[in-house]
N, C-alpha and C. Protein backbone atom coordinates (compact mmCIF):
# COMPACT_ATOMS: atom_id res chain seq x y z
N MET A 1 9.80 -83.29 50.21
CA MET A 1 10.71 -82.35 50.88
C MET A 1 10.09 -80.95 50.88
N SER A 2 8.89 -80.79 50.46
CA SER A 2 8.35 -79.48 50.34
C SER A 2 8.20 -78.77 51.68
N GLY A 3 7.96 -79.46 52.74
CA GLY A 3 7.83 -78.85 54.05
C GLY A 3 9.15 -78.68 54.79
N MET A 4 10.26 -79.11 54.23
CA MET A 4 11.53 -79.08 54.92
C MET A 4 12.17 -77.67 54.80
N SER A 5 12.84 -77.33 55.87
CA SER A 5 13.62 -76.05 55.83
C SER A 5 14.84 -76.20 54.91
N LYS A 6 15.42 -75.11 54.46
CA LYS A 6 16.61 -75.18 53.69
C LYS A 6 17.71 -75.86 54.44
N GLU A 7 17.81 -75.60 55.72
CA GLU A 7 18.86 -76.27 56.51
C GLU A 7 18.69 -77.80 56.60
N SER A 8 17.42 -78.18 56.71
CA SER A 8 17.15 -79.65 56.74
C SER A 8 17.46 -80.26 55.38
N ARG A 9 17.13 -79.55 54.33
CA ARG A 9 17.41 -80.07 52.99
C ARG A 9 18.93 -80.16 52.78
N LEU A 10 19.66 -79.20 53.27
CA LEU A 10 21.15 -79.22 53.17
C LEU A 10 21.67 -80.47 53.90
N ALA A 11 21.19 -80.66 55.12
CA ALA A 11 21.66 -81.80 55.94
C ALA A 11 21.38 -83.12 55.22
N LYS A 12 20.19 -83.21 54.63
CA LYS A 12 19.85 -84.43 53.87
C LYS A 12 20.78 -84.66 52.70
N ASN A 13 21.09 -83.62 51.92
CA ASN A 13 21.95 -83.79 50.82
C ASN A 13 23.41 -84.06 51.24
N LEU A 14 23.87 -83.42 52.30
CA LEU A 14 25.24 -83.66 52.80
C LEU A 14 25.33 -85.09 53.23
N ASN A 15 24.37 -85.60 53.96
CA ASN A 15 24.45 -86.99 54.37
C ASN A 15 24.35 -88.01 53.23
N ARG A 16 23.51 -87.65 52.28
CA ARG A 16 23.36 -88.56 51.08
C ARG A 16 24.70 -88.51 50.27
N TRP A 17 25.27 -87.31 50.06
CA TRP A 17 26.52 -87.28 49.33
C TRP A 17 27.60 -88.03 50.07
N ALA A 18 27.74 -87.84 51.39
CA ALA A 18 28.75 -88.51 52.18
C ALA A 18 28.58 -90.02 52.12
N ASP A 19 27.35 -90.51 52.18
CA ASP A 19 27.10 -91.94 52.11
C ASP A 19 27.45 -92.52 50.78
N ASP A 20 27.09 -91.81 49.71
CA ASP A 20 27.42 -92.28 48.32
C ASP A 20 29.00 -92.23 48.13
N PHE A 21 29.62 -91.20 48.55
CA PHE A 21 31.06 -91.11 48.40
C PHE A 21 31.77 -92.20 49.22
N ARG A 22 31.28 -92.38 50.48
CA ARG A 22 31.87 -93.31 51.40
C ARG A 22 31.88 -94.71 50.82
N TRP A 23 30.82 -95.06 50.12
CA TRP A 23 30.72 -96.41 49.60
C TRP A 23 31.03 -96.49 48.11
N SER A 24 31.77 -95.53 47.60
CA SER A 24 32.23 -95.49 46.17
C SER A 24 31.11 -95.48 45.18
N ARG A 25 29.94 -94.98 45.53
CA ARG A 25 28.82 -94.78 44.61
C ARG A 25 28.99 -93.38 43.98
N PHE A 26 30.02 -93.28 43.17
CA PHE A 26 30.44 -91.96 42.61
C PHE A 26 29.37 -91.39 41.65
N ASN A 27 28.74 -92.26 40.90
CA ASN A 27 27.71 -91.81 39.98
C ASN A 27 26.55 -91.18 40.78
N ASP A 28 26.17 -91.76 41.90
CA ASP A 28 25.08 -91.21 42.72
C ASP A 28 25.52 -89.92 43.34
N ALA A 29 26.76 -89.86 43.87
CA ALA A 29 27.26 -88.64 44.53
C ALA A 29 27.29 -87.51 43.47
N ALA A 30 27.66 -87.81 42.23
CA ALA A 30 27.74 -86.82 41.23
C ALA A 30 26.42 -86.12 40.85
N THR A 31 25.33 -86.79 41.14
CA THR A 31 24.04 -86.15 40.85
C THR A 31 23.73 -84.97 41.72
N MET A 32 24.47 -84.82 42.83
CA MET A 32 24.29 -83.63 43.70
C MET A 32 25.29 -82.51 43.45
N MET A 33 26.00 -82.67 42.30
CA MET A 33 26.98 -81.67 41.88
C MET A 33 26.50 -80.91 40.65
N VAL A 34 26.92 -79.68 40.53
CA VAL A 34 26.59 -78.97 39.28
C VAL A 34 27.29 -79.67 38.10
N PRO A 35 26.72 -79.57 36.96
CA PRO A 35 27.25 -80.38 35.83
C PRO A 35 28.73 -80.20 35.54
N SER A 36 29.26 -78.97 35.80
CA SER A 36 30.66 -78.70 35.47
C SER A 36 31.65 -79.49 36.36
N LEU A 37 31.18 -79.99 37.56
CA LEU A 37 31.99 -80.80 38.47
C LEU A 37 31.90 -82.29 38.21
N ARG A 38 30.89 -82.74 37.55
CA ARG A 38 30.58 -84.20 37.48
C ARG A 38 31.67 -84.94 36.77
N ALA A 39 32.04 -84.54 35.57
CA ALA A 39 33.02 -85.30 34.81
C ALA A 39 34.39 -85.37 35.50
N PRO A 40 34.96 -84.26 36.03
CA PRO A 40 36.18 -84.38 36.75
C PRO A 40 36.08 -85.29 38.01
N PHE A 41 34.98 -85.22 38.72
CA PHE A 41 34.73 -86.03 39.90
C PHE A 41 34.73 -87.52 39.53
N LEU A 42 33.98 -87.85 38.48
CA LEU A 42 33.91 -89.27 38.05
C LEU A 42 35.23 -89.77 37.49
N ALA A 43 35.99 -88.90 36.82
CA ALA A 43 37.30 -89.27 36.30
C ALA A 43 38.22 -89.58 37.47
N ALA A 44 38.17 -88.75 38.55
CA ALA A 44 39.01 -89.00 39.68
C ALA A 44 38.70 -90.32 40.36
N GLY A 45 37.43 -90.65 40.43
CA GLY A 45 36.99 -91.94 40.96
C GLY A 45 37.53 -93.12 40.15
N ARG A 46 37.49 -92.99 38.88
CA ARG A 46 38.02 -94.04 38.00
C ARG A 46 39.54 -94.13 38.15
N ARG A 47 40.24 -92.96 38.28
CA ARG A 47 41.67 -92.93 38.45
C ARG A 47 42.14 -93.68 39.76
N ARG A 48 41.32 -93.49 40.81
CA ARG A 48 41.69 -94.13 42.11
C ARG A 48 41.53 -95.60 41.99
N GLY A 49 40.58 -96.06 41.17
CA GLY A 49 40.45 -97.50 40.91
C GLY A 49 39.75 -98.30 41.97
N PRO A 50 39.58 -99.60 41.77
CA PRO A 50 38.82 -100.50 42.63
C PRO A 50 39.47 -100.74 43.95
N ASP A 51 40.77 -100.49 44.07
CA ASP A 51 41.48 -100.73 45.31
C ASP A 51 41.29 -99.65 46.39
N PHE A 52 40.69 -98.51 45.97
CA PHE A 52 40.43 -97.40 46.86
C PHE A 52 39.38 -97.66 47.85
N ARG A 53 39.66 -97.45 49.13
CA ARG A 53 38.68 -97.63 50.24
C ARG A 53 38.74 -96.45 51.18
N ILE A 54 37.50 -96.04 51.53
CA ILE A 54 37.35 -94.99 52.56
C ILE A 54 37.08 -95.70 53.88
N ALA A 55 37.89 -95.43 54.86
CA ALA A 55 37.72 -96.06 56.15
C ALA A 55 36.74 -95.21 57.04
N ASP A 56 36.82 -93.88 56.83
CA ASP A 56 35.95 -93.00 57.66
C ASP A 56 35.84 -91.71 56.92
N LEU A 57 34.67 -91.10 57.10
CA LEU A 57 34.34 -89.82 56.51
C LEU A 57 33.56 -88.98 57.50
N GLU A 58 34.00 -87.80 57.84
CA GLU A 58 33.30 -86.96 58.74
C GLU A 58 33.11 -85.60 58.11
N MET A 59 31.88 -85.06 58.23
CA MET A 59 31.57 -83.73 57.76
C MET A 59 31.41 -82.80 58.98
N GLY A 60 32.06 -81.64 58.86
CA GLY A 60 31.94 -80.68 60.03
C GLY A 60 32.26 -79.28 59.50
N GLY A 61 32.34 -78.38 60.50
CA GLY A 61 32.68 -77.02 60.16
C GLY A 61 31.68 -76.36 59.25
N LEU A 62 30.43 -76.77 59.39
CA LEU A 62 29.40 -76.22 58.48
C LEU A 62 29.08 -74.75 58.81
N SER A 63 29.11 -73.94 57.78
CA SER A 63 28.69 -72.52 57.97
C SER A 63 27.76 -72.15 56.81
N MET A 64 26.71 -71.44 57.13
CA MET A 64 25.67 -71.10 56.15
C MET A 64 25.44 -69.57 56.24
N ASP A 65 25.21 -68.96 55.05
CA ASP A 65 25.02 -67.52 55.08
C ASP A 65 23.59 -67.26 55.64
N ALA A 66 23.34 -65.99 55.96
CA ALA A 66 22.15 -65.54 56.65
C ALA A 66 20.84 -65.94 55.84
N ASP A 67 20.86 -65.84 54.57
CA ASP A 67 19.65 -66.16 53.79
C ASP A 67 19.59 -67.60 53.35
N GLU A 68 20.49 -68.44 53.86
CA GLU A 68 20.45 -69.84 53.64
C GLU A 68 20.50 -70.23 52.13
N GLU A 69 21.38 -69.56 51.40
CA GLU A 69 21.48 -69.83 49.99
C GLU A 69 22.90 -70.41 49.63
N HIS A 70 23.78 -70.34 50.63
CA HIS A 70 25.21 -70.69 50.37
C HIS A 70 25.78 -71.31 51.65
N ALA A 71 26.49 -72.43 51.50
CA ALA A 71 27.03 -73.09 52.70
C ALA A 71 28.39 -73.62 52.39
N LEU A 72 29.27 -73.63 53.39
CA LEU A 72 30.62 -74.20 53.37
C LEU A 72 30.67 -75.37 54.32
N VAL A 73 31.32 -76.46 53.95
CA VAL A 73 31.44 -77.58 54.86
C VAL A 73 32.85 -78.19 54.62
N GLN A 74 33.39 -78.74 55.71
CA GLN A 74 34.68 -79.44 55.60
C GLN A 74 34.42 -80.92 55.73
N VAL A 75 35.09 -81.66 54.84
CA VAL A 75 35.01 -83.10 54.84
C VAL A 75 36.38 -83.73 55.17
N GLN A 76 36.39 -84.50 56.23
CA GLN A 76 37.69 -85.18 56.62
C GLN A 76 37.52 -86.65 56.16
N VAL A 77 38.42 -87.08 55.25
CA VAL A 77 38.34 -88.44 54.73
C VAL A 77 39.58 -89.20 55.15
N GLU A 78 39.41 -90.35 55.76
CA GLU A 78 40.47 -91.31 56.13
C GLU A 78 40.35 -92.45 55.11
N TRP A 79 41.41 -92.73 54.39
CA TRP A 79 41.37 -93.71 53.28
C TRP A 79 42.64 -94.45 53.13
N TYR A 80 42.56 -95.51 52.32
CA TYR A 80 43.73 -96.31 52.00
C TYR A 80 43.46 -97.06 50.67
N THR A 81 44.48 -97.69 50.14
CA THR A 81 44.28 -98.53 49.00
C THR A 81 44.63 -99.93 49.44
N MET A 82 44.10 -100.95 48.75
CA MET A 82 44.36 -102.35 49.08
C MET A 82 45.82 -102.69 48.82
N ARG A 83 46.46 -101.96 47.91
CA ARG A 83 47.88 -102.24 47.62
C ARG A 83 48.79 -101.66 48.67
N GLU A 84 48.45 -100.53 49.22
CA GLU A 84 49.22 -99.86 50.26
C GLU A 84 48.30 -99.71 51.45
N THR A 85 48.41 -100.54 52.40
CA THR A 85 47.40 -100.60 53.48
C THR A 85 47.67 -99.66 54.64
N PHE A 86 48.39 -98.55 54.39
CA PHE A 86 48.53 -97.58 55.47
C PHE A 86 47.46 -96.46 55.25
N MET A 87 46.98 -95.96 56.36
CA MET A 87 45.90 -94.94 56.33
C MET A 87 46.42 -93.61 55.92
N ARG A 88 45.61 -92.95 55.13
CA ARG A 88 45.93 -91.56 54.68
C ARG A 88 44.75 -90.66 55.11
N SER A 89 45.02 -89.39 55.18
CA SER A 89 43.99 -88.46 55.63
C SER A 89 43.94 -87.25 54.66
N THR A 90 42.71 -86.86 54.29
CA THR A 90 42.52 -85.73 53.35
C THR A 90 41.44 -84.85 53.93
N LEU A 91 41.63 -83.53 53.85
CA LEU A 91 40.64 -82.56 54.23
C LEU A 91 40.15 -81.89 52.95
N ILE A 92 38.86 -81.89 52.74
CA ILE A 92 38.26 -81.27 51.55
C ILE A 92 37.33 -80.15 52.01
N GLU A 93 37.35 -79.04 51.36
CA GLU A 93 36.36 -77.96 51.58
C GLU A 93 35.37 -77.94 50.45
N GLN A 94 34.11 -77.98 50.82
CA GLN A 94 33.06 -77.96 49.79
C GLN A 94 32.23 -76.70 49.94
N GLU A 95 31.76 -76.20 48.80
CA GLU A 95 30.83 -75.07 48.75
C GLU A 95 29.51 -75.59 48.15
N TRP A 96 28.42 -75.37 48.85
CA TRP A 96 27.12 -75.81 48.38
C TRP A 96 26.26 -74.56 48.18
N LYS A 97 25.41 -74.57 47.13
CA LYS A 97 24.49 -73.48 46.85
C LYS A 97 23.10 -74.02 46.65
N TYR A 98 22.11 -73.24 47.11
CA TYR A 98 20.71 -73.59 46.92
C TYR A 98 20.30 -73.04 45.54
N LEU A 99 20.09 -73.99 44.60
CA LEU A 99 19.78 -73.64 43.22
C LEU A 99 18.51 -74.33 42.80
N ASP A 100 17.54 -73.52 42.35
CA ASP A 100 16.26 -74.11 41.86
C ASP A 100 15.61 -75.05 42.83
N GLY A 101 15.64 -74.70 44.11
CA GLY A 101 14.98 -75.52 45.14
C GLY A 101 15.71 -76.72 45.64
N GLU A 102 16.99 -76.81 45.28
CA GLU A 102 17.80 -78.00 45.67
C GLU A 102 19.21 -77.53 45.98
N TRP A 103 19.84 -78.15 47.05
CA TRP A 103 21.25 -77.86 47.38
C TRP A 103 22.11 -78.66 46.46
N MET A 104 23.10 -77.96 45.86
CA MET A 104 24.07 -78.56 44.93
C MET A 104 25.44 -78.24 45.29
N LEU A 105 26.35 -79.16 45.12
CA LEU A 105 27.76 -78.93 45.37
C LEU A 105 28.32 -78.17 44.14
N VAL A 106 28.81 -76.96 44.41
CA VAL A 106 29.28 -76.12 43.31
C VAL A 106 30.79 -75.95 43.24
N ARG A 107 31.52 -76.32 44.35
CA ARG A 107 32.92 -76.16 44.34
C ARG A 107 33.50 -77.12 45.39
N GLU A 108 34.62 -77.72 45.08
CA GLU A 108 35.33 -78.61 46.03
C GLU A 108 36.81 -78.35 45.89
N ARG A 109 37.51 -78.23 46.99
CA ARG A 109 38.97 -78.04 46.95
C ARG A 109 39.68 -78.82 47.99
N HIS A 110 40.92 -79.27 47.67
CA HIS A 110 41.74 -79.93 48.64
C HIS A 110 42.22 -78.89 49.63
N ALA A 111 41.99 -79.10 50.93
CA ALA A 111 42.33 -78.13 51.95
C ALA A 111 43.38 -78.60 52.91
N GLY A 112 43.80 -79.90 52.76
CA GLY A 112 44.93 -80.35 53.60
C GLY A 112 45.09 -81.83 53.46
N GLY A 113 46.25 -82.30 53.98
CA GLY A 113 46.51 -83.74 53.97
C GLY A 113 46.92 -84.27 52.60
N GLU A 114 46.79 -85.52 52.49
CA GLU A 114 47.19 -86.25 51.28
C GLU A 114 46.10 -85.97 50.18
N PRO A 115 46.52 -85.61 48.98
CA PRO A 115 45.50 -85.45 47.88
C PRO A 115 44.79 -86.80 47.60
N LEU A 116 43.55 -86.74 47.28
CA LEU A 116 42.80 -87.94 46.92
C LEU A 116 43.19 -88.43 45.56
């Protein structure tokens, strides 16, 4: 990744995080988060349990500061549980920072819809 631009590195991490989250690979997704977010994120995954399914996940609304050290992205998640098979929708806002040569998720907040 040494020849990649910061923007390309961000896109790679966003796509990797989305793929890991989409397929419930929460441990892998957590590696792209600052340490203070990992335990609560993993606990939330355990709380949702094995019946939790993501039907669709879209990332959009990306904005990056001028020096490409800070980015905001919105994540739209369509999900359901196997027990309650109706679709739910959640909007998450994420803040990513370029730390020590790598983009890391530093903050995540519920921005709309059904809480995960």
